[in-house]
C-alpha atoms as a PDB file:
ATOM      1  CA  MET A   1     -41.038  16.919  62.233  1.00  0.00           C
ATOM      2  CA  ILE A   2     -42.230  17.172  65.831  1.00  0.00           C
ATOM      3  CA  ILE A   3     -41.300  14.368  68.211  1.00  0.00           C
ATOM      4  CA  ILE A   4     -43.207  13.967  71.489  1.00  0.00           C
ATOM      5  CA  PHE A   5     -42.018  11.577  74.192  1.00  0.00           C
ATOM      6  CA  SER A   6     -44.591   9.578  76.106  1.00  0.00           C
ATOM      7  CA  PHE A   7     -43.979   7.236  79.014  1.00  0.00           C
ATOM      8  CA  ASP A   8     -44.864   4.179  76.913  1.00  0.00           C
ATOM      9  CA  THR A   9     -44.199   5.120  73.273  1.00  0.00           C
ATOM     10  CA  TRP A  10     -42.889   7.683  70.815  1.00  0.00           C
ATOM     11  CA  ILE A  11     -45.295   9.680  68.643  1.00  0.00           C
ATOM     12  CA  SER A  12     -44.066  11.311  65.436  1.00  0.00           C
ATOM     13  CA  CYS A  13     -46.036  14.041  63.680  1.00  0.00           C
ATOM     14  CA  SER A  14     -45.521  15.833  60.368  1.00  0.00           C
ATOM     15  CA  HIS A  15     -45.669  19.593  59.997  1.00  0.00           C
ATOM     16  CA  MET A  16     -49.154  20.983  59.361  1.00  0.00           C
ATOM     17  CA  ILE A  17     -49.847  21.240  55.624  1.00  0.00           C
ATOM     18  CA  GLU A  18     -52.393  23.763  54.378  1.00  0.00           C
ATOM     19  CA  ILE A  19     -54.850  22.493  51.768  1.00  0.00           C
ATOM     20  CA  GLY A  20     -57.458  24.353  49.716  1.00  0.00           C
ATOM     21  CA  ASN A  21     -57.067  27.532  47.682  1.00  0.00           C
ATOM     22  CA  ASP A  22     -60.009  29.593  48.846  1.00  0.00           C
ATOM     23  CA  GLY A  23     -61.285  30.744  52.213  1.00  0.00           C
ATOM     24  CA  LEU A  24     -64.316  28.457  52.193  1.00  0.00           C
ATOM     25  CA  PHE A  25     -62.504  25.128  52.077  1.00  0.00           C
ATOM     26  CA  ARG A  26     -59.070  25.943  53.490  1.00  0.00           C
ATOM     27  CA  ASP A  27     -57.879  23.498  56.142  1.00  0.00           C
ATOM     28  CA  SER A  28     -54.704  22.038  57.603  1.00  0.00           C
ATOM     29  CA  VAL A  29     -53.737  18.372  57.913  1.00  0.00           C
ATOM     30  CA  ALA A  30     -50.946  16.352  59.489  1.00  0.00           C
ATOM     31  CA  TYR A  31     -50.138  12.689  59.906  1.00  0.00           C
ATOM     32  CA  TYR A  32     -49.241  10.940  63.156  1.00  0.00           C
ATOM     33  CA  LEU A  33     -47.316   7.705  63.549  1.00  0.00           C
ATOM     34  CA  TYR A  34     -46.792   5.642  66.690  1.00  0.00           C
ATOM     35  CA  GLY A  35     -43.503   3.837  66.991  1.00  0.00           C
ATOM     36  CA  ASP A  36     -40.332   4.206  64.964  1.00  0.00           C
ATOM     37  CA  GLU A  37     -39.107   7.810  64.693  1.00  0.00           C
ATOM     38  CA  TYR A  38     -36.958   6.944  61.652  1.00  0.00           C
ATOM     39  CA  ALA A  39     -39.936   5.503  59.765  1.00  0.00           C
ATOM     40  CA  ALA A  40     -42.050   8.572  60.507  1.00  0.00           C
ATOM     41  CA  LYS A  41     -39.396  10.920  59.125  1.00  0.00           C
ATOM     42  CA  LYS A  42     -39.345   8.981  55.835  1.00  0.00           C
ATOM     43  CA  LEU A  43     -43.101   9.394  55.248  1.00  0.00           C
ATOM     44  CA  LYS A  44     -44.165  12.220  52.934  1.00  0.00           C
ATOM     45  CA  LEU A  45     -47.670  13.718  52.871  1.00  0.00           C
ATOM     46  CA  LYS A  46     -48.454  14.827  49.312  1.00  0.00           C
ATOM     47  CA  SER A  47     -50.787  17.735  48.739  1.00  0.00           C
END
């Protein structure tokens, strides 16, 4: 989990998750959440 401090709010971001099995459609995704750091850590991105 990466936490970035801003002057007006906290932003929480998951680790990048690689999706796709072949070279043509491979990509990476992450989710971002404004606000509560604790809530962001509890979220799980399923692949």
